[in-house]
Amino acid sequence: MRLDNIIFRLGFGNTIPASRQIINHGHIFINDQKVTIPSFQCQPDDTIQVKDREGSRALVNQFLKKRRSDFRPPYLEFNREKLSGRVKRIASSKDTILKINELLIVEYYSRK
């Protein structure tokens, strides 16, 4: 639910470091407020949009054109015309592509 990950999943940046830089440079608004903290924790019903400036929109459109697939996680909603997205719900472990056995992680760290 970190903002940099959500920006990456929406396609506004082609990598997570690029998404962090987009956020740090002030190109992203959440619920009509500028956010410059990549570790910002998004909540359900947060609206994420690109700053309404030509430079910001051109940057994000450039990343969207380079995007290889149009797959977006089911917990995100995307509007290409407005360059905005919405968090529909909190992401669950089932939304990830990776098959992770959480019990093994807990067991590993409990030994230390």
N, C-alpha and C. Protein backbone atom coordinates (compact mmCIF):
# COMPACT_ATOMS: atom_id res chain seq x y z
N MET A 1 0.81 -1.20 0.00
CA MET A 1 0.00 0.00 0.00
C MET A 1 0.86 1.27 0.00
N ARG A 2 2.18 1.09 -0.16
CA ARG A 2 3.06 2.26 -0.25
C ARG A 2 2.79 3.01 -1.56
N LEU A 3 2.89 4.32 -1.50
CA LEU A 3 2.60 5.15 -2.66
C LEU A 3 3.53 4.83 -3.83
N ASP A 4 4.83 4.62 -3.57
CA ASP A 4 5.74 4.35 -4.69
C ASP A 4 5.37 3.05 -5.41
N ASN A 5 4.92 2.05 -4.68
CA ASN A 5 4.49 0.80 -5.30
C ASN A 5 3.20 0.99 -6.09
N ILE A 6 2.28 1.75 -5.57
CA ILE A 6 1.01 1.98 -6.27
C ILE A 6 1.24 2.78 -7.55
N ILE A 7 2.12 3.78 -7.50
CA ILE A 7 2.46 4.55 -8.70
C ILE A 7 3.06 3.62 -9.74
N PHE A 8 3.93 2.71 -9.32
CA PHE A 8 4.52 1.73 -10.24
C PHE A 8 3.45 0.81 -10.82
N ARG A 9 2.55 0.30 -9.98
CA ARG A 9 1.51 -0.62 -10.44
C ARG A 9 0.51 0.06 -11.38
N LEU A 10 0.28 1.35 -11.19
CA LEU A 10 -0.60 2.09 -12.10
C LEU A 10 0.07 2.36 -13.44
N GLY A 11 1.40 2.28 -13.49
CA GLY A 11 2.11 2.52 -14.73
C GLY A 11 2.63 3.94 -14.88
N PHE A 12 2.53 4.74 -13.82
CA PHE A 12 3.02 6.12 -13.88
C PHE A 12 4.53 6.18 -13.91
N GLY A 13 5.20 5.12 -13.49
CA GLY A 13 6.65 5.00 -13.54
C GLY A 13 7.00 3.60 -14.01
N ASN A 14 8.11 3.45 -14.74
CA ASN A 14 8.42 2.11 -15.27
C ASN A 14 9.20 1.25 -14.27
N THR A 15 9.73 1.84 -13.21
CA THR A 15 10.37 1.10 -12.14
C THR A 15 9.97 1.75 -10.82
N ILE A 16 10.22 1.04 -9.72
CA ILE A 16 9.90 1.63 -8.42
C ILE A 16 10.81 2.83 -8.13
N PRO A 17 12.13 2.78 -8.44
CA PRO A 17 12.94 3.99 -8.24
C PRO A 17 12.46 5.18 -9.08
N ALA A 18 12.00 4.93 -10.30
CA ALA A 18 11.46 6.01 -11.12
C ALA A 18 10.18 6.56 -10.50
N SER A 19 9.37 5.67 -9.95
CA SER A 19 8.13 6.10 -9.29
C SER A 19 8.45 6.94 -8.05
N ARG A 20 9.48 6.54 -7.31
CA ARG A 20 9.90 7.32 -6.14
C ARG A 20 10.33 8.73 -6.56
N GLN A 21 11.04 8.82 -7.67
CA GLN A 21 11.51 10.13 -8.13
C GLN A 21 10.33 11.00 -8.58
N ILE A 22 9.36 10.40 -9.25
CA ILE A 22 8.16 11.14 -9.66
C ILE A 22 7.47 11.73 -8.44
N ILE A 23 7.39 10.94 -7.38
CA ILE A 23 6.75 11.41 -6.15
C ILE A 23 7.59 12.51 -5.50
N ASN A 24 8.90 12.29 -5.39
CA ASN A 24 9.79 13.27 -4.75
C ASN A 24 9.77 14.62 -5.45
N HIS A 25 9.57 14.62 -6.76
CA HIS A 25 9.58 15.87 -7.52
C HIS A 25 8.22 16.57 -7.53
N GLY A 26 7.25 16.01 -6.81
CA GLY A 26 5.97 16.70 -6.63
C GLY A 26 5.00 16.55 -7.79
N HIS A 27 5.08 15.48 -8.55
CA HIS A 27 4.17 15.28 -9.68
C HIS A 27 2.88 14.57 -9.29
N ILE A 28 2.75 14.13 -8.04
CA ILE A 28 1.62 13.30 -7.63
C ILE A 28 0.80 14.00 -6.54
N PHE A 29 -0.52 13.90 -6.70
CA PHE A 29 -1.46 14.41 -5.71
C PHE A 29 -2.32 13.26 -5.21
N ILE A 30 -2.58 13.24 -3.91
CA ILE A 30 -3.50 12.27 -3.32
C ILE A 30 -4.62 13.04 -2.66
N ASN A 31 -5.84 12.74 -3.10
CA ASN A 31 -7.02 13.45 -2.59
C ASN A 31 -6.82 14.96 -2.68
N ASP A 32 -6.31 15.42 -3.81
CA ASP A 32 -6.09 16.84 -4.13
C ASP A 32 -5.05 17.52 -3.23
N GLN A 33 -4.16 16.75 -2.62
CA GLN A 33 -3.07 17.31 -1.84
C GLN A 33 -1.76 16.75 -2.34
N LYS A 34 -0.78 17.62 -2.50
CA LYS A 34 0.53 17.21 -2.99
C LYS A 34 1.22 16.35 -1.93
N VAL A 35 1.76 15.20 -2.40
CA VAL A 35 2.47 14.28 -1.52
C VAL A 35 3.85 14.04 -2.11
N THR A 36 4.89 14.23 -1.29
CA THR A 36 6.26 14.03 -1.77
C THR A 36 6.99 12.96 -0.97
N ILE A 37 6.24 12.09 -0.32
CA ILE A 37 6.83 11.04 0.51
C ILE A 37 6.52 9.69 -0.14
N PRO A 38 7.53 9.02 -0.71
CA PRO A 38 7.28 7.74 -1.39
C PRO A 38 6.74 6.65 -0.47
N SER A 39 7.04 6.71 0.82
CA SER A 39 6.58 5.67 1.74
C SER A 39 5.18 5.96 2.30
N PHE A 40 4.51 6.96 1.77
CA PHE A 40 3.16 7.30 2.21
C PHE A 40 2.27 6.06 2.09
N GLN A 41 1.52 5.76 3.14
CA GLN A 41 0.63 4.59 3.16
C GLN A 41 -0.75 4.99 2.61
N CYS A 42 -1.10 4.45 1.47
CA CYS A 42 -2.40 4.74 0.88
C CYS A 42 -3.49 3.93 1.57
N GLN A 43 -4.67 4.49 1.58
CA GLN A 43 -5.84 3.87 2.20
C GLN A 43 -6.91 3.64 1.14
N PRO A 44 -7.88 2.76 1.42
CA PRO A 44 -8.98 2.58 0.46
C PRO A 44 -9.69 3.90 0.18
N ASP A 45 -10.10 4.07 -1.05
CA ASP A 45 -10.78 5.26 -1.58
C ASP A 45 -9.87 6.47 -1.75
N ASP A 46 -8.56 6.31 -1.62
CA ASP A 46 -7.63 7.40 -1.95
C ASP A 46 -7.58 7.56 -3.46
N THR A 47 -7.64 8.81 -3.91
CA THR A 47 -7.54 9.12 -5.33
C THR A 47 -6.14 9.64 -5.60
N ILE A 48 -5.45 9.01 -6.54
CA ILE A 48 -4.09 9.38 -6.88
C ILE A 48 -4.13 9.96 -8.28
N GLN A 49 -3.62 11.17 -8.44
CA GLN A 49 -3.64 11.80 -9.75
C GLN A 49 -2.34 12.52 -10.03
N VAL A 50 -2.08 12.70 -11.31
CA VAL A 50 -0.89 13.40 -11.75
C VAL A 50 -1.18 14.89 -11.72
N LYS A 51 -0.18 15.67 -11.34
CA LYS A 51 -0.30 17.12 -11.27
C LYS A 51 -0.79 17.66 -12.61
N ASP A 52 -1.65 18.64 -12.56
CA ASP A 52 -2.26 19.19 -13.77
C ASP A 52 -1.33 20.23 -14.43
N ARG A 53 -0.16 19.75 -14.81
CA ARG A 53 0.81 20.58 -15.55
C ARG A 53 1.26 19.78 -16.76
N GLU A 54 1.57 20.47 -17.82
CA GLU A 54 1.94 19.79 -19.05
C GLU A 54 3.19 18.92 -18.88
N GLY A 55 4.18 19.40 -18.14
CA GLY A 55 5.41 18.63 -17.93
C GLY A 55 5.16 17.34 -17.17
N SER A 56 4.35 17.41 -16.13
CA SER A 56 4.03 16.23 -15.33
C SER A 56 3.26 15.21 -16.16
N ARG A 57 2.28 15.70 -16.91
CA ARG A 57 1.47 14.81 -17.73
C ARG A 57 2.29 14.17 -18.85
N ALA A 58 3.19 14.94 -19.44
CA ALA A 58 4.04 14.40 -20.51
C ALA A 58 4.96 13.31 -19.97
N LEU A 59 5.50 13.51 -18.78
CA LEU A 59 6.38 12.52 -18.16
C LEU A 59 5.64 11.21 -17.93
N VAL A 60 4.47 11.28 -17.34
CA VAL A 60 3.70 10.08 -17.04
C VAL A 60 3.22 9.40 -18.33
N ASN A 61 2.79 10.19 -19.32
CA ASN A 61 2.37 9.60 -20.59
C ASN A 61 3.51 8.88 -21.27
N GLN A 62 4.72 9.39 -21.11
CA GLN A 62 5.90 8.73 -21.68
C GLN A 62 6.08 7.34 -21.05
N PHE A 63 5.92 7.25 -19.74
CA PHE A 63 6.04 5.95 -19.06
C PHE A 63 4.89 5.02 -19.45
N LEU A 64 3.68 5.57 -19.61
CA LEU A 64 2.54 4.73 -19.97
C LEU A 64 2.70 4.14 -21.37
N LYS A 65 3.32 4.90 -22.29
CA LYS A 65 3.54 4.39 -23.65
C LYS A 65 4.56 3.26 -23.65
N LYS A 66 5.54 3.31 -22.76
CA LYS A 66 6.58 2.28 -22.69
C LYS A 66 6.11 1.03 -21.95
N ARG A 67 5.00 1.10 -21.28
CA ARG A 67 4.51 -0.02 -20.47
C ARG A 67 4.24 -1.22 -21.36
N ARG A 68 4.69 -2.38 -20.94
CA ARG A 68 4.58 -3.60 -21.74
C ARG A 68 3.21 -4.24 -21.69
N SER A 69 2.53 -4.14 -20.57
CA SER A 69 1.21 -4.77 -20.47
C SER A 69 0.25 -3.81 -19.78
N ASP A 70 -1.02 -4.06 -19.99
CA ASP A 70 -2.05 -3.23 -19.36
C ASP A 70 -2.61 -3.86 -18.09
N PHE A 71 -1.91 -4.87 -17.56
CA PHE A 71 -2.39 -5.52 -16.34
C PHE A 71 -2.21 -4.59 -15.15
N ARG A 72 -3.26 -4.44 -14.39
CA ARG A 72 -3.21 -3.70 -13.13
C ARG A 72 -3.87 -4.56 -12.07
N PRO A 73 -3.35 -4.52 -10.86
CA PRO A 73 -3.92 -5.35 -9.79
C PRO A 73 -5.40 -5.03 -9.57
N PRO A 74 -6.17 -6.01 -9.12
CA PRO A 74 -7.61 -5.79 -8.93
C PRO A 74 -7.96 -4.78 -7.83
N TYR A 75 -7.01 -4.46 -6.97
CA TYR A 75 -7.31 -3.49 -5.90
C TYR A 75 -7.12 -2.04 -6.35
N LEU A 76 -6.72 -1.84 -7.62
CA LEU A 76 -6.53 -0.49 -8.16
C LEU A 76 -7.47 -0.24 -9.32
N GLU A 77 -7.92 1.00 -9.44
CA GLU A 77 -8.76 1.44 -10.54
C GLU A 77 -7.99 2.51 -11.28
N PHE A 78 -8.01 2.49 -12.63
CA PHE A 78 -7.18 3.41 -13.42
C PHE A 78 -8.03 4.15 -14.44
N ASN A 79 -7.79 5.46 -14.58
CA ASN A 79 -8.47 6.29 -15.58
C ASN A 79 -7.40 6.94 -16.44
N ARG A 80 -7.26 6.46 -17.67
CA ARG A 80 -6.19 6.95 -18.55
C ARG A 80 -6.42 8.40 -18.99
N GLU A 81 -7.66 8.80 -19.23
CA GLU A 81 -7.93 10.17 -19.70
C GLU A 81 -7.55 11.21 -18.66
N LYS A 82 -7.86 10.92 -17.41
CA LYS A 82 -7.57 11.87 -16.32
C LYS A 82 -6.20 11.65 -15.70
N LEU A 83 -5.51 10.57 -16.11
CA LEU A 83 -4.24 10.17 -15.49
C LEU A 83 -4.39 10.10 -13.98
N SER A 84 -5.35 9.30 -13.58
CA SER A 84 -5.61 9.14 -12.15
C SER A 84 -5.92 7.68 -11.84
N GLY A 85 -5.85 7.38 -10.59
CA GLY A 85 -6.17 6.04 -10.12
C GLY A 85 -6.83 6.13 -8.77
N ARG A 86 -7.42 5.01 -8.36
CA ARG A 86 -8.08 4.97 -7.06
C ARG A 86 -7.78 3.63 -6.43
N VAL A 87 -7.53 3.67 -5.13
CA VAL A 87 -7.33 2.45 -4.37
C VAL A 87 -8.71 1.96 -3.96
N LYS A 88 -9.10 0.81 -4.49
CA LYS A 88 -10.45 0.28 -4.20
C LYS A 88 -10.51 -0.41 -2.85
N ARG A 89 -9.42 -1.10 -2.49
CA ARG A 89 -9.40 -1.83 -1.23
C ARG A 89 -7.94 -2.09 -0.84
N ILE A 90 -7.74 -2.59 0.34
CA ILE A 90 -6.39 -2.93 0.78
C ILE A 90 -5.93 -4.18 0.03
N ALA A 91 -4.70 -4.15 -0.41
CA ALA A 91 -4.14 -5.29 -1.15
C ALA A 91 -3.98 -6.48 -0.22
N SER A 92 -4.31 -7.65 -0.73
CA SER A 92 -4.13 -8.86 0.05
C SER A 92 -2.99 -9.68 -0.54
N SER A 93 -2.56 -10.68 0.17
CA SER A 93 -1.47 -11.53 -0.33
C SER A 93 -1.90 -12.30 -1.56
N LYS A 94 -3.18 -12.49 -1.77
CA LYS A 94 -3.68 -13.20 -2.95
C LYS A 94 -3.56 -12.35 -4.21
N ASP A 95 -3.39 -11.03 -4.05
CA ASP A 95 -3.27 -10.14 -5.20
C ASP A 95 -1.89 -10.16 -5.83
N THR A 96 -0.93 -10.76 -5.17
CA THR A 96 0.42 -10.80 -5.71
C THR A 96 0.58 -11.99 -6.63
N ILE A 97 1.49 -11.86 -7.56
CA ILE A 97 1.77 -12.94 -8.50
C ILE A 97 2.66 -14.00 -7.84
N LEU A 98 3.45 -13.58 -6.87
CA LEU A 98 4.38 -14.49 -6.21
C LEU A 98 3.64 -15.46 -5.31
N LYS A 99 4.12 -16.68 -5.29
CA LYS A 99 3.59 -17.68 -4.37
C LYS A 99 4.49 -17.70 -3.15
N ILE A 100 4.02 -17.12 -2.06
CA ILE A 100 4.82 -17.00 -0.85
C ILE A 100 4.15 -17.77 0.28
N ASN A 101 4.93 -18.59 0.94
CA ASN A 101 4.44 -19.30 2.12
C ASN A 101 4.83 -18.45 3.34
N GLU A 102 3.89 -17.71 3.87
CA GLU A 102 4.16 -16.79 4.97
C GLU A 102 4.60 -17.52 6.23
N LEU A 103 4.13 -18.72 6.40
CA LEU A 103 4.51 -19.50 7.58
C LEU A 103 6.02 -19.76 7.60
N LEU A 104 6.60 -20.03 6.44
CA LEU A 104 8.05 -20.24 6.38
C LEU A 104 8.82 -18.98 6.77
N ILE A 105 8.31 -17.83 6.40
CA ILE A 105 8.96 -16.56 6.77
C ILE A 105 8.89 -16.36 8.28
N VAL A 106 7.74 -16.62 8.87
CA VAL A 106 7.58 -16.48 10.32
C VAL A 106 8.50 -17.46 11.03
N GLU A 107 8.59 -18.70 10.55
CA GLU A 107 9.46 -19.68 11.17
C GLU A 107 10.93 -19.26 11.08
N TYR A 108 11.32 -18.71 9.94
CA TYR A 108 12.71 -18.29 9.76
C TYR A 108 13.08 -17.21 10.76
N TYR A 109 12.24 -16.19 10.90
CA TYR A 109 12.57 -15.09 11.80
C TYR A 109 12.37 -15.46 13.27
N SER A 110 11.58 -16.46 13.57
CA SER A 110 11.38 -16.85 14.96
C SER A 110 12.62 -17.57 15.52
N ARG A 111 13.46 -18.10 14.64
CA ARG A 111 14.68 -18.78 15.08
C ARG A 111 15.77 -17.80 15.48
N LYS A 112 15.68 -16.57 15.09
CA LYS A 112 16.75 -15.60 15.38
C LYS A 112 16.59 -14.95 16.71
